[in-house]
Amino acid sequence: MGGIVEECFCYEKETQLTVLKTSLFFTGDGFSVYNSKGELVFRVECYDHDARNHHQLVLMDASGKGILTVRRKRPSLHQRWEGFLGEKMDGQKPIFSVRRSSIIGRSSVTVEVYKGPDGSKEFQIEGSFSNRCCTVYNSDRETVAEIKRKVAPPANVVLGKDVFCLCLKPGFDGAFALGLVLVLDQINGRDAVDDGGGGADDEDARVVPSSSPVSS
């Protein structure tokens, strides 16, 4: 399938990552992401506790190197977000963009990936991010990634929504998938702030490319 962010984040085997929100008190504060061995793989840190001002987040690897920046484009009525390789610099072009297709009621999210010489590919995200239940399909309707609630063995207890799983099929870029998670989390969080509720219940997305550990 090839890497959208980096080839090294495309796993050869089916991989399950555990995503942990690092604050329970503020929307989008940060994330720590662990593999099945409990090793830190990705992290996001944000020290701005005003949910309305979260307009840029940097996804880092375990060493703290910035590998992907997602930034809200302003002004934007449709919550348009853009993704940039590394830590965004002035004049840098985005590798993908994300936008709401509607600002009223339940709406879809469109993602276009600009990086790559092989023409466009299409992905579809269906489900509810607020309920941690989403599936990412490719253009052949094959599942390439899923967001699921985390179930703790051996009692099969479903954990809270601040701990969830990102399941990746072989070849799908894990860093890109985490970038989409960050954007969905921000959109969902802003819905909660704007509406005074718990966020939108349903999100559908189209993805169009061009060319302390938690045990599993």
N, C-alpha and C. Protein backbone atom coordinates (compact mmCIF):
# COMPACT_ATOMS: atom_id res chain seq x y z
N MET A 1 0.83 -1.21 0.00
CA MET A 1 0.00 0.00 0.00
C MET A 1 0.86 1.25 0.00
N GLY A 2 2.01 1.21 0.71
CA GLY A 2 2.94 2.33 0.70
C GLY A 2 2.64 3.34 1.78
N GLY A 3 3.71 4.01 2.24
CA GLY A 3 3.57 4.97 3.31
C GLY A 3 3.11 6.34 2.83
N ILE A 4 2.17 6.93 3.54
CA ILE A 4 1.73 8.29 3.26
C ILE A 4 2.57 9.27 4.08
N VAL A 5 2.85 8.91 5.33
CA VAL A 5 3.76 9.70 6.16
C VAL A 5 5.17 9.17 6.02
N GLU A 6 5.40 7.91 6.41
CA GLU A 6 6.69 7.26 6.23
C GLU A 6 6.47 5.76 6.08
N GLU A 7 7.30 5.14 5.25
CA GLU A 7 7.19 3.70 5.00
C GLU A 7 7.38 2.88 6.27
N CYS A 8 8.21 3.39 7.20
CA CYS A 8 8.53 2.61 8.40
C CYS A 8 7.33 2.45 9.32
N PHE A 9 6.27 3.24 9.11
CA PHE A 9 5.08 3.11 9.94
C PHE A 9 4.03 2.20 9.31
N CYS A 10 4.38 1.54 8.21
CA CYS A 10 3.51 0.55 7.58
C CYS A 10 3.93 -0.82 8.08
N TYR A 11 3.10 -1.44 8.88
CA TYR A 11 3.47 -2.71 9.50
C TYR A 11 3.22 -3.87 8.56
N GLU A 12 4.13 -4.86 8.59
CA GLU A 12 4.02 -6.02 7.71
C GLU A 12 2.87 -6.93 8.12
N LYS A 13 2.59 -6.99 9.41
CA LYS A 13 1.54 -7.85 9.92
C LYS A 13 0.41 -6.99 10.50
N GLU A 14 -0.75 -7.61 10.64
CA GLU A 14 -1.86 -6.91 11.28
C GLU A 14 -1.44 -6.47 12.68
N THR A 15 -1.69 -5.21 13.00
CA THR A 15 -1.16 -4.60 14.22
C THR A 15 -2.28 -3.90 14.99
N GLN A 16 -2.27 -4.09 16.31
CA GLN A 16 -3.21 -3.38 17.16
C GLN A 16 -2.45 -2.43 18.07
N LEU A 17 -2.77 -1.15 18.00
CA LEU A 17 -2.18 -0.14 18.86
C LEU A 17 -3.21 0.28 19.91
N THR A 18 -2.74 0.54 21.11
CA THR A 18 -3.60 1.05 22.17
C THR A 18 -3.38 2.56 22.29
N VAL A 19 -4.46 3.30 22.16
CA VAL A 19 -4.41 4.77 22.22
C VAL A 19 -4.97 5.21 23.56
N LEU A 20 -4.17 5.97 24.30
CA LEU A 20 -4.55 6.43 25.63
C LEU A 20 -4.56 7.95 25.67
N LYS A 21 -5.71 8.54 25.99
CA LYS A 21 -5.75 9.98 26.20
C LYS A 21 -5.03 10.29 27.50
N THR A 22 -4.10 11.25 27.46
CA THR A 22 -3.24 11.49 28.61
C THR A 22 -3.84 12.48 29.60
N SER A 23 -5.01 13.03 29.31
CA SER A 23 -5.73 13.85 30.28
C SER A 23 -7.20 13.52 30.19
N LEU A 24 -7.85 13.40 31.32
CA LEU A 24 -9.27 13.10 31.35
C LEU A 24 -10.11 14.35 31.54
N PHE A 25 -9.46 15.52 31.60
CA PHE A 25 -10.17 16.73 31.98
C PHE A 25 -10.36 17.73 30.86
N PHE A 26 -9.55 17.65 29.80
CA PHE A 26 -9.63 18.62 28.73
C PHE A 26 -9.64 17.89 27.40
N THR A 27 -10.46 18.37 26.47
CA THR A 27 -10.58 17.75 25.15
C THR A 27 -9.27 17.90 24.38
N GLY A 28 -8.76 16.80 23.83
CA GLY A 28 -7.61 16.86 22.94
C GLY A 28 -6.30 17.21 23.59
N ASP A 29 -6.17 17.00 24.92
CA ASP A 29 -4.92 17.38 25.59
C ASP A 29 -3.72 16.63 25.05
N GLY A 30 -3.85 15.35 24.83
CA GLY A 30 -2.71 14.59 24.35
C GLY A 30 -3.03 13.11 24.28
N PHE A 31 -2.10 12.37 23.66
CA PHE A 31 -2.27 10.93 23.52
C PHE A 31 -0.93 10.24 23.71
N SER A 32 -0.98 9.04 24.22
CA SER A 32 0.15 8.12 24.19
C SER A 32 -0.34 6.86 23.48
N VAL A 33 0.49 6.33 22.59
CA VAL A 33 0.09 5.19 21.76
C VAL A 33 1.10 4.07 21.96
N TYR A 34 0.61 2.88 22.28
CA TYR A 34 1.47 1.75 22.61
C TYR A 34 1.19 0.57 21.68
N ASN A 35 2.23 -0.24 21.45
CA ASN A 35 2.05 -1.47 20.68
C ASN A 35 1.66 -2.61 21.62
N SER A 36 1.54 -3.81 21.07
CA SER A 36 1.05 -4.95 21.85
C SER A 36 2.03 -5.38 22.95
N LYS A 37 3.29 -4.91 22.85
CA LYS A 37 4.29 -5.22 23.88
C LYS A 37 4.31 -4.18 24.99
N GLY A 38 3.46 -3.18 24.88
CA GLY A 38 3.45 -2.11 25.87
C GLY A 38 4.51 -1.06 25.63
N GLU A 39 5.10 -1.04 24.45
CA GLU A 39 6.13 -0.07 24.12
C GLU A 39 5.51 1.18 23.52
N LEU A 40 5.99 2.35 23.92
CA LEU A 40 5.50 3.60 23.38
C LEU A 40 5.89 3.72 21.91
N VAL A 41 4.92 4.02 21.05
CA VAL A 41 5.16 4.12 19.61
C VAL A 41 4.99 5.56 19.13
N PHE A 42 3.90 6.19 19.54
CA PHE A 42 3.61 7.58 19.17
C PHE A 42 3.16 8.33 20.41
N ARG A 43 3.29 9.67 20.36
CA ARG A 43 2.71 10.48 21.42
C ARG A 43 2.38 11.87 20.90
N VAL A 44 1.42 12.48 21.55
CA VAL A 44 0.99 13.84 21.24
C VAL A 44 0.88 14.58 22.55
N GLU A 45 1.47 15.77 22.61
CA GLU A 45 1.40 16.57 23.82
C GLU A 45 0.84 17.94 23.48
N CYS A 46 -0.07 18.42 24.30
CA CYS A 46 -0.65 19.74 24.10
C CYS A 46 -0.89 20.35 25.46
N TYR A 47 -0.34 21.56 25.67
CA TYR A 47 -0.43 22.20 26.97
C TYR A 47 -1.43 23.34 26.99
N ASP A 48 -2.16 23.53 25.89
CA ASP A 48 -3.20 24.56 25.83
C ASP A 48 -4.51 23.93 26.28
N HIS A 49 -5.02 24.31 27.44
CA HIS A 49 -6.21 23.68 28.00
C HIS A 49 -7.51 24.32 27.55
N ASP A 50 -7.44 25.24 26.59
CA ASP A 50 -8.65 25.83 26.04
C ASP A 50 -9.01 25.07 24.77
N ALA A 51 -10.07 24.23 24.82
CA ALA A 51 -10.41 23.37 23.68
C ALA A 51 -10.69 24.18 22.43
N ARG A 52 -11.14 25.42 22.56
CA ARG A 52 -11.45 26.24 21.40
C ARG A 52 -10.20 26.68 20.65
N ASN A 53 -9.03 26.65 21.32
CA ASN A 53 -7.81 27.15 20.71
C ASN A 53 -6.90 26.05 20.19
N HIS A 54 -7.34 24.80 20.22
CA HIS A 54 -6.53 23.70 19.72
C HIS A 54 -6.59 23.72 18.19
N HIS A 55 -5.64 24.40 17.56
CA HIS A 55 -5.66 24.50 16.10
C HIS A 55 -4.46 23.81 15.48
N GLN A 56 -3.54 23.28 16.27
CA GLN A 56 -2.38 22.58 15.72
C GLN A 56 -1.89 21.54 16.71
N LEU A 57 -1.69 20.32 16.22
CA LEU A 57 -1.17 19.23 17.04
C LEU A 57 -0.04 18.55 16.28
N VAL A 58 0.99 18.12 17.00
CA VAL A 58 2.14 17.45 16.40
C VAL A 58 2.20 16.01 16.89
N LEU A 59 2.14 15.07 15.96
CA LEU A 59 2.31 13.66 16.27
C LEU A 59 3.80 13.36 16.29
N MET A 60 4.27 12.79 17.40
CA MET A 60 5.69 12.47 17.56
C MET A 60 5.90 10.97 17.65
N ASP A 61 7.11 10.54 17.31
CA ASP A 61 7.46 9.14 17.54
C ASP A 61 7.88 8.98 19.00
N ALA A 62 8.32 7.78 19.37
CA ALA A 62 8.63 7.51 20.77
C ALA A 62 9.78 8.38 21.30
N SER A 63 10.68 8.81 20.41
CA SER A 63 11.83 9.62 20.82
C SER A 63 11.50 11.09 20.95
N GLY A 64 10.29 11.49 20.52
CA GLY A 64 9.91 12.89 20.58
C GLY A 64 10.11 13.65 19.28
N LYS A 65 10.49 12.96 18.23
CA LYS A 65 10.65 13.60 16.92
C LYS A 65 9.28 13.84 16.29
N GLY A 66 9.03 15.06 15.84
CA GLY A 66 7.78 15.36 15.18
C GLY A 66 7.72 14.73 13.80
N ILE A 67 6.70 13.93 13.53
CA ILE A 67 6.61 13.24 12.24
C ILE A 67 5.41 13.69 11.42
N LEU A 68 4.42 14.30 12.08
CA LEU A 68 3.23 14.76 11.37
C LEU A 68 2.57 15.87 12.17
N THR A 69 2.22 16.95 11.49
CA THR A 69 1.49 18.05 12.12
C THR A 69 0.11 18.15 11.49
N VAL A 70 -0.93 18.18 12.32
CA VAL A 70 -2.28 18.46 11.82
C VAL A 70 -2.66 19.85 12.33
N ARG A 71 -3.17 20.65 11.42
CA ARG A 71 -3.44 22.05 11.74
C ARG A 71 -4.79 22.47 11.18
N ARG A 72 -5.55 23.17 11.97
CA ARG A 72 -6.85 23.66 11.51
C ARG A 72 -6.61 24.88 10.62
N LYS A 73 -7.23 24.85 9.46
CA LYS A 73 -7.12 25.97 8.53
C LYS A 73 -8.16 27.02 8.88
N ARG A 74 -7.73 28.25 9.01
CA ARG A 74 -8.63 29.34 9.38
C ARG A 74 -8.56 30.46 8.35
N PRO A 75 -9.68 31.13 8.07
CA PRO A 75 -11.04 30.79 8.54
C PRO A 75 -11.58 29.59 7.81
N SER A 76 -12.45 28.85 8.46
CA SER A 76 -13.02 27.65 7.84
C SER A 76 -14.34 27.32 8.52
N LEU A 77 -15.44 27.44 7.78
CA LEU A 77 -16.75 27.11 8.33
C LEU A 77 -16.95 25.61 8.46
N HIS A 78 -16.17 24.84 7.71
CA HIS A 78 -16.37 23.40 7.66
C HIS A 78 -15.31 22.64 8.44
N GLN A 79 -14.64 23.31 9.39
CA GLN A 79 -13.59 22.67 10.16
C GLN A 79 -12.58 21.98 9.25
N ARG A 80 -11.96 22.74 8.39
CA ARG A 80 -10.96 22.18 7.49
C ARG A 80 -9.63 22.04 8.22
N TRP A 81 -9.06 20.85 8.12
CA TRP A 81 -7.76 20.57 8.73
C TRP A 81 -6.80 20.14 7.64
N GLU A 82 -5.50 20.35 7.88
CA GLU A 82 -4.47 19.94 6.94
C GLU A 82 -3.37 19.19 7.69
N GLY A 83 -2.74 18.25 6.98
CA GLY A 83 -1.64 17.48 7.56
C GLY A 83 -0.34 17.78 6.84
N PHE A 84 0.73 17.95 7.62
CA PHE A 84 2.04 18.30 7.09
C PHE A 84 3.08 17.31 7.62
N LEU A 85 4.05 16.95 6.79
CA LEU A 85 5.12 16.09 7.24
C LEU A 85 5.98 16.80 8.27
N GLY A 86 6.37 16.09 9.32
CA GLY A 86 7.23 16.66 10.35
C GLY A 86 6.53 17.76 11.11
N GLU A 87 7.31 18.71 11.60
CA GLU A 87 6.77 19.88 12.28
C GLU A 87 6.65 21.00 11.26
N LYS A 88 5.45 21.47 11.05
CA LYS A 88 5.15 22.40 9.96
C LYS A 88 6.06 23.63 9.98
N MET A 89 6.55 24.00 8.79
CA MET A 89 7.34 25.19 8.61
C MET A 89 6.63 26.11 7.62
N ASP A 90 6.95 27.40 7.66
CA ASP A 90 6.34 28.35 6.75
C ASP A 90 6.61 27.96 5.30
N GLY A 91 5.58 28.02 4.49
CA GLY A 91 5.72 27.70 3.08
C GLY A 91 5.59 26.23 2.74
N GLN A 92 5.47 25.39 3.75
CA GLN A 92 5.37 23.95 3.52
C GLN A 92 3.97 23.60 3.01
N LYS A 93 3.91 22.71 2.05
CA LYS A 93 2.63 22.29 1.49
C LYS A 93 2.08 21.09 2.26
N PRO A 94 0.77 21.02 2.45
CA PRO A 94 0.18 19.88 3.16
C PRO A 94 0.21 18.62 2.30
N ILE A 95 0.23 17.47 2.97
CA ILE A 95 0.15 16.20 2.26
C ILE A 95 -1.28 15.67 2.23
N PHE A 96 -2.14 16.19 3.12
CA PHE A 96 -3.55 15.84 3.05
C PHE A 96 -4.37 16.94 3.70
N SER A 97 -5.65 16.95 3.38
CA SER A 97 -6.58 17.89 4.01
C SER A 97 -7.83 17.15 4.44
N VAL A 98 -8.48 17.67 5.47
CA VAL A 98 -9.68 17.08 6.02
C VAL A 98 -10.70 18.20 6.18
N ARG A 99 -11.94 17.96 5.74
CA ARG A 99 -12.94 19.00 5.91
C ARG A 99 -14.31 18.39 6.18
N ARG A 100 -15.09 19.11 6.93
CA ARG A 100 -16.48 18.74 7.12
C ARG A 100 -17.24 19.08 5.86
N SER A 101 -18.12 18.20 5.44
CA SER A 101 -18.90 18.47 4.24
C SER A 101 -20.14 19.29 4.55
N SER A 102 -20.49 19.40 5.83
CA SER A 102 -21.63 20.20 6.24
C SER A 102 -21.38 20.70 7.64
N ILE A 103 -21.95 21.86 7.99
CA ILE A 103 -21.82 22.37 9.35
C ILE A 103 -23.11 22.27 10.12
N ILE A 104 -24.11 21.61 9.53
CA ILE A 104 -25.42 21.49 10.17
C ILE A 104 -25.73 20.01 10.38
N GLY A 105 -25.99 19.63 11.63
CA GLY A 105 -26.41 18.27 11.93
C GLY A 105 -25.30 17.25 11.69
N ARG A 106 -25.69 16.05 11.45
CA ARG A 106 -24.73 14.98 11.19
C ARG A 106 -24.13 15.16 9.81
N SER A 107 -22.83 15.07 9.71
CA SER A 107 -22.18 15.36 8.44
C SER A 107 -21.03 14.41 8.20
N SER A 108 -20.58 14.35 6.98
CA SER A 108 -19.45 13.51 6.62
C SER A 108 -18.16 14.32 6.68
N VAL A 109 -17.04 13.61 6.61
CA VAL A 109 -15.72 14.22 6.62
C VAL A 109 -14.98 13.71 5.40
N THR A 110 -14.41 14.62 4.61
CA THR A 110 -13.68 14.25 3.41
C THR A 110 -12.20 14.47 3.63
N VAL A 111 -11.38 13.48 3.26
CA VAL A 111 -9.93 13.58 3.40
C VAL A 111 -9.30 13.37 2.03
N GLU A 112 -8.49 14.31 1.60
CA GLU A 112 -7.77 14.20 0.34
C GLU A 112 -6.27 14.17 0.62
N VAL A 113 -5.58 13.18 0.08
CA VAL A 113 -4.14 13.06 0.26
C VAL A 113 -3.46 13.47 -1.03
N TYR A 114 -2.57 14.46 -0.93
CA TYR A 114 -1.93 15.02 -2.12
C TYR A 114 -0.62 14.34 -2.46
N LYS A 115 0.02 13.70 -1.48
CA LYS A 115 1.35 13.14 -1.67
C LYS A 115 1.27 11.86 -2.49
N GLY A 116 2.18 11.69 -3.44
CA GLY A 116 2.28 10.44 -4.17
C GLY A 116 2.07 10.60 -5.66
N PRO A 117 2.84 9.90 -6.49
CA PRO A 117 2.76 10.04 -7.94
C PRO A 117 1.80 9.08 -8.62
N ASP A 118 1.13 8.23 -7.86
CA ASP A 118 0.38 7.12 -8.45
C ASP A 118 -1.10 7.43 -8.66
N GLY A 119 -1.47 8.67 -8.63
CA GLY A 119 -2.87 9.00 -8.79
C GLY A 119 -3.62 8.81 -7.50
N SER A 120 -4.93 9.03 -7.54
CA SER A 120 -5.72 9.02 -6.31
C SER A 120 -6.17 7.62 -5.94
N LYS A 121 -6.26 7.41 -4.63
CA LYS A 121 -6.87 6.21 -4.06
C LYS A 121 -7.95 6.69 -3.12
N GLU A 122 -8.93 5.87 -2.91
CA GLU A 122 -10.05 6.31 -2.09
C GLU A 122 -10.25 5.39 -0.90
N PHE A 123 -10.47 6.04 0.25
CA PHE A 123 -10.82 5.32 1.47
C PHE A 123 -12.12 5.89 2.01
N GLN A 124 -12.87 5.07 2.72
CA GLN A 124 -14.12 5.51 3.34
C GLN A 124 -14.09 5.15 4.81
N ILE A 125 -14.36 6.15 5.66
CA ILE A 125 -14.46 5.91 7.10
C ILE A 125 -15.92 5.96 7.48
N GLU A 126 -16.39 4.90 8.11
CA GLU A 126 -17.78 4.83 8.51
C GLU A 126 -17.87 4.46 9.99
N GLY A 127 -18.86 5.01 10.68
CA GLY A 127 -19.08 4.68 12.08
C GLY A 127 -19.11 5.91 12.95
N SER A 128 -18.94 5.71 14.23
CA SER A 128 -19.04 6.78 15.22
C SER A 128 -17.74 6.90 16.00
N PHE A 129 -17.00 7.99 15.78
CA PHE A 129 -15.77 8.16 16.56
C PHE A 129 -16.08 8.43 18.03
N SER A 130 -17.13 9.17 18.31
CA SER A 130 -17.46 9.46 19.70
C SER A 130 -17.72 8.19 20.50
N ASN A 131 -18.18 7.14 19.80
CA ASN A 131 -18.40 5.84 20.45
C ASN A 131 -17.22 4.89 20.23
N ARG A 132 -16.15 5.41 19.64
CA ARG A 132 -14.94 4.62 19.37
C ARG A 132 -15.28 3.37 18.56
N CYS A 133 -15.99 3.59 17.47
CA CYS A 133 -16.39 2.49 16.60
C CYS A 133 -16.39 2.98 15.16
N CYS A 134 -15.25 2.89 14.49
CA CYS A 134 -15.11 3.35 13.11
C CYS A 134 -14.37 2.29 12.31
N THR A 135 -14.68 2.21 11.03
CA THR A 135 -13.98 1.32 10.12
C THR A 135 -13.50 2.11 8.91
N VAL A 136 -12.26 1.88 8.51
CA VAL A 136 -11.70 2.53 7.33
C VAL A 136 -11.64 1.49 6.21
N TYR A 137 -12.28 1.81 5.09
CA TYR A 137 -12.30 0.92 3.94
C TYR A 137 -11.50 1.55 2.79
N ASN A 138 -10.89 0.68 1.98
CA ASN A 138 -10.28 1.17 0.75
C ASN A 138 -11.32 1.17 -0.36
N SER A 139 -10.88 1.48 -1.57
CA SER A 139 -11.83 1.61 -2.68
C SER A 139 -12.47 0.28 -3.07
N ASP A 140 -11.86 -0.84 -2.65
CA ASP A 140 -12.43 -2.15 -2.91
C ASP A 140 -13.31 -2.65 -1.76
N ARG A 141 -13.59 -1.73 -0.82
CA ARG A 141 -14.40 -2.05 0.36
C ARG A 141 -13.73 -3.08 1.25
N GLU A 142 -12.40 -3.07 1.25
CA GLU A 142 -11.64 -3.90 2.16
C GLU A 142 -11.28 -3.07 3.39
N THR A 143 -11.37 -3.67 4.56
CA THR A 143 -11.03 -2.96 5.79
C THR A 143 -9.52 -2.78 5.89
N VAL A 144 -9.06 -1.55 6.11
CA VAL A 144 -7.63 -1.28 6.27
C VAL A 144 -7.29 -0.80 7.68
N ALA A 145 -8.28 -0.32 8.43
CA ALA A 145 -8.05 0.10 9.81
C ALA A 145 -9.39 0.18 10.53
N GLU A 146 -9.34 0.02 11.85
CA GLU A 146 -10.54 0.12 12.67
C GLU A 146 -10.23 0.81 13.98
N ILE A 147 -11.18 1.58 14.47
CA ILE A 147 -11.13 2.14 15.82
C ILE A 147 -12.15 1.40 16.64
N LYS A 148 -11.71 0.82 17.79
CA LYS A 148 -12.58 -0.02 18.60
C LYS A 148 -12.43 0.32 20.07
N ARG A 149 -13.44 0.00 20.85
CA ARG A 149 -13.33 0.10 22.30
C ARG A 149 -12.30 -0.92 22.79
N LYS A 150 -11.61 -0.59 23.85
CA LYS A 150 -10.60 -1.46 24.43
C LYS A 150 -11.25 -2.41 25.43
N VAL A 151 -10.97 -3.69 25.28
CA VAL A 151 -11.49 -4.71 26.19
C VAL A 151 -10.32 -5.27 26.98
N ALA A 152 -10.41 -5.20 28.31
CA ALA A 152 -9.32 -5.64 29.17
C ALA A 152 -9.51 -7.11 29.55
N PRO A 153 -8.51 -7.97 29.22
CA PRO A 153 -8.58 -9.36 29.66
C PRO A 153 -8.18 -9.44 31.14
N PRO A 154 -8.48 -10.55 31.84
CA PRO A 154 -9.23 -11.71 31.35
C PRO A 154 -10.73 -11.59 31.59
N ALA A 155 -11.16 -10.49 32.22
CA ALA A 155 -12.57 -10.38 32.60
C ALA A 155 -13.43 -9.81 31.47
N ASN A 156 -12.79 -9.47 30.34
CA ASN A 156 -13.50 -8.90 29.18
C ASN A 156 -14.29 -7.64 29.56
N VAL A 157 -13.65 -6.78 30.33
CA VAL A 157 -14.26 -5.53 30.75
C VAL A 157 -13.99 -4.46 29.68
N VAL A 158 -15.03 -3.79 29.21
CA VAL A 158 -14.86 -2.72 28.24
C VAL A 158 -14.42 -1.46 28.98
N LEU A 159 -13.26 -0.94 28.59
CA LEU A 159 -12.71 0.24 29.25
C LEU A 159 -13.41 1.51 28.76
N GLY A 160 -13.15 2.62 29.44
CA GLY A 160 -13.73 3.90 29.07
C GLY A 160 -13.23 4.37 27.72
N LYS A 161 -13.87 5.42 27.20
CA LYS A 161 -13.57 5.90 25.85
C LYS A 161 -12.21 6.59 25.74
N ASP A 162 -11.56 6.85 26.88
CA ASP A 162 -10.24 7.48 26.84
C ASP A 162 -9.13 6.47 26.58
N VAL A 163 -9.48 5.20 26.51
CA VAL A 163 -8.54 4.15 26.10
C VAL A 163 -9.24 3.35 25.00
N PHE A 164 -8.63 3.32 23.82
CA PHE A 164 -9.25 2.59 22.72
C PHE A 164 -8.19 1.99 21.82
N CYS A 165 -8.62 1.16 20.88
CA CYS A 165 -7.70 0.43 20.01
C CYS A 165 -7.74 1.00 18.60
N LEU A 166 -6.59 1.06 17.97
CA LEU A 166 -6.48 1.35 16.55
C LEU A 166 -5.89 0.11 15.90
N CYS A 167 -6.70 -0.58 15.11
CA CYS A 167 -6.29 -1.83 14.48
C CYS A 167 -5.92 -1.56 13.02
N LEU A 168 -4.72 -1.95 12.64
CA LEU A 168 -4.19 -1.66 11.32
C LEU A 168 -3.97 -2.94 10.54
N LYS A 169 -4.46 -2.97 9.31
CA LYS A 169 -4.18 -4.10 8.43
C LYS A 169 -2.77 -3.94 7.84
N PRO A 170 -2.16 -5.03 7.39
CA PRO A 170 -0.80 -4.95 6.85
C PRO A 170 -0.70 -3.91 5.73
N GLY A 171 0.33 -3.07 5.83
CA GLY A 171 0.61 -2.09 4.77
C GLY A 171 -0.03 -0.74 4.96
N PHE A 172 -0.97 -0.60 5.91
CA PHE A 172 -1.61 0.70 6.12
C PHE A 172 -0.75 1.55 7.05
N ASP A 173 -0.56 2.82 6.71
CA ASP A 173 0.34 3.71 7.41
C ASP A 173 -0.23 4.08 8.79
N GLY A 174 0.44 3.60 9.84
CA GLY A 174 -0.04 3.86 11.20
C GLY A 174 0.03 5.32 11.59
N ALA A 175 1.05 6.04 11.14
CA ALA A 175 1.17 7.46 11.47
C ALA A 175 0.04 8.26 10.80
N PHE A 176 -0.27 7.93 9.55
CA PHE A 176 -1.38 8.59 8.87
C PHE A 176 -2.70 8.29 9.58
N ALA A 177 -2.88 7.03 9.98
CA ALA A 177 -4.10 6.65 10.70
C ALA A 177 -4.23 7.44 12.00
N LEU A 178 -3.11 7.64 12.72
CA LEU A 178 -3.15 8.42 13.95
C LEU A 178 -3.47 9.89 13.65
N GLY A 179 -2.98 10.40 12.51
CA GLY A 179 -3.33 11.76 12.13
C GLY A 179 -4.83 11.93 11.95
N LEU A 180 -5.47 10.94 11.34
CA LEU A 180 -6.93 10.98 11.18
C LEU A 180 -7.63 10.90 12.52
N VAL A 181 -7.08 10.10 13.45
CA VAL A 181 -7.66 10.01 14.79
C VAL A 181 -7.60 11.38 15.47
N LEU A 182 -6.48 12.08 15.34
CA LEU A 182 -6.34 13.40 15.97
C LEU A 182 -7.38 14.37 15.42
N VAL A 183 -7.57 14.36 14.11
CA VAL A 183 -8.54 15.28 13.51
C VAL A 183 -9.96 14.92 13.95
N LEU A 184 -10.31 13.64 13.92
CA LEU A 184 -11.64 13.22 14.35
C LEU A 184 -11.88 13.59 15.81
N ASP A 185 -10.85 13.44 16.64
CA ASP A 185 -10.98 13.80 18.05
C ASP A 185 -11.23 15.29 18.21
N GLN A 186 -10.53 16.10 17.42
CA GLN A 186 -10.72 17.54 17.51
C GLN A 186 -12.12 17.95 17.01
N ILE A 187 -12.54 17.36 15.89
CA ILE A 187 -13.88 17.67 15.38
C ILE A 187 -14.93 17.26 16.39
N ASN A 188 -14.79 16.06 16.95
CA ASN A 188 -15.74 15.58 17.94
C ASN A 188 -15.74 16.47 19.18
N GLY A 189 -14.55 16.89 19.61
CA GLY A 189 -14.43 17.74 20.78
C GLY A 189 -15.02 19.11 20.55
N ARG A 190 -14.84 19.66 19.35
CA ARG A 190 -15.39 20.97 19.05
C ARG A 190 -16.91 20.89 18.96
N ASP A 191 -17.42 19.76 18.46
CA ASP A 191 -18.88 19.58 18.46
C ASP A 191 -19.42 19.65 19.89
N ALA A 192 -18.67 19.01 20.82
CA ALA A 192 -19.11 19.01 22.22
C ALA A 192 -19.06 20.41 22.80
N VAL A 193 -18.00 21.17 22.45
CA VAL A 193 -17.87 22.53 22.96
C VAL A 193 -18.95 23.43 22.37
N ASP A 194 -19.16 23.33 21.05
CA ASP A 194 -20.10 24.21 20.37
C ASP A 194 -21.55 23.89 20.73
N ASP A 195 -21.84 22.58 20.92
CA ASP A 195 -23.22 22.17 21.15
C ASP A 195 -23.56 22.00 22.62
N GLY A 196 -22.50 21.99 23.47
CA GLY A 196 -22.72 21.77 24.89
C GLY A 196 -23.07 20.35 25.22
N GLY A 197 -22.73 19.43 24.30
CA GLY A 197 -23.06 18.02 24.52
C GLY A 197 -21.83 17.15 24.42
N GLY A 198 -22.03 15.91 24.03
CA GLY A 198 -20.95 14.94 24.01
C GLY A 198 -20.34 14.75 22.65
N GLY A 199 -20.64 15.61 21.70
CA GLY A 199 -20.05 15.46 20.38
C GLY A 199 -21.00 14.79 19.43
N ALA A 200 -20.63 14.83 18.14
CA ALA A 200 -21.48 14.19 17.13
C ALA A 200 -21.46 12.69 17.31
N ASP A 201 -22.60 12.06 17.04
CA ASP A 201 -22.69 10.61 17.22
C ASP A 201 -22.15 9.86 16.03
N ASP A 202 -22.19 10.43 14.85
CA ASP A 202 -21.80 9.71 13.66
C ASP A 202 -20.88 10.56 12.82
N GLU A 203 -19.82 9.92 12.32
CA GLU A 203 -18.96 10.56 11.35
C GLU A 203 -18.69 9.59 10.21
N ASP A 204 -18.85 10.02 8.97
CA ASP A 204 -18.44 9.25 7.81
C ASP A 204 -17.34 10.04 7.15
N ALA A 205 -16.33 9.36 6.62
CA ALA A 205 -15.21 10.08 6.01
C ALA A 205 -14.82 9.43 4.72
N ARG A 206 -14.41 10.26 3.75
CA ARG A 206 -13.83 9.78 2.52
C ARG A 206 -12.38 10.17 2.49
N VAL A 207 -11.49 9.20 2.24
CA VAL A 207 -10.06 9.44 2.20
C VAL A 207 -9.59 9.21 0.78
N VAL A 208 -9.05 10.23 0.16
CA VAL A 208 -8.69 10.14 -1.25
C VAL A 208 -7.22 10.49 -1.43
N PRO A 209 -6.29 9.50 -1.38
CA PRO A 209 -4.90 9.82 -1.61
C PRO A 209 -4.61 9.97 -3.09
N SER A 210 -3.63 10.83 -3.39
CA SER A 210 -3.10 10.85 -4.75
C SER A 210 -1.78 10.16 -4.70
N SER A 211 -1.51 9.68 -5.46
CA SER A 211 -0.36 8.82 -5.65
C SER A 211 -0.09 8.00 -4.41
N SER A 212 2.06 5.46 30.73
CA SER A 212 1.98 4.16 31.36
C SER A 212 1.27 3.18 30.48
N PRO A 213 2.04 2.10 29.95
CA PRO A 213 1.52 1.28 28.89
C PRO A 213 0.28 0.51 29.29
N VAL A 214 -0.60 0.29 28.26
CA VAL A 214 -1.82 -0.47 28.47
C VAL A 214 -1.70 -1.77 27.71
N SER A 215 -1.88 -2.89 28.35
CA SER A 215 -1.69 -4.18 27.72
C SER A 215 -2.83 -4.45 26.77
N SER A 216 -2.54 -5.26 25.73
CA SER A 216 -3.55 -5.66 24.77
C SER A 216 -4.27 -6.89 25.24
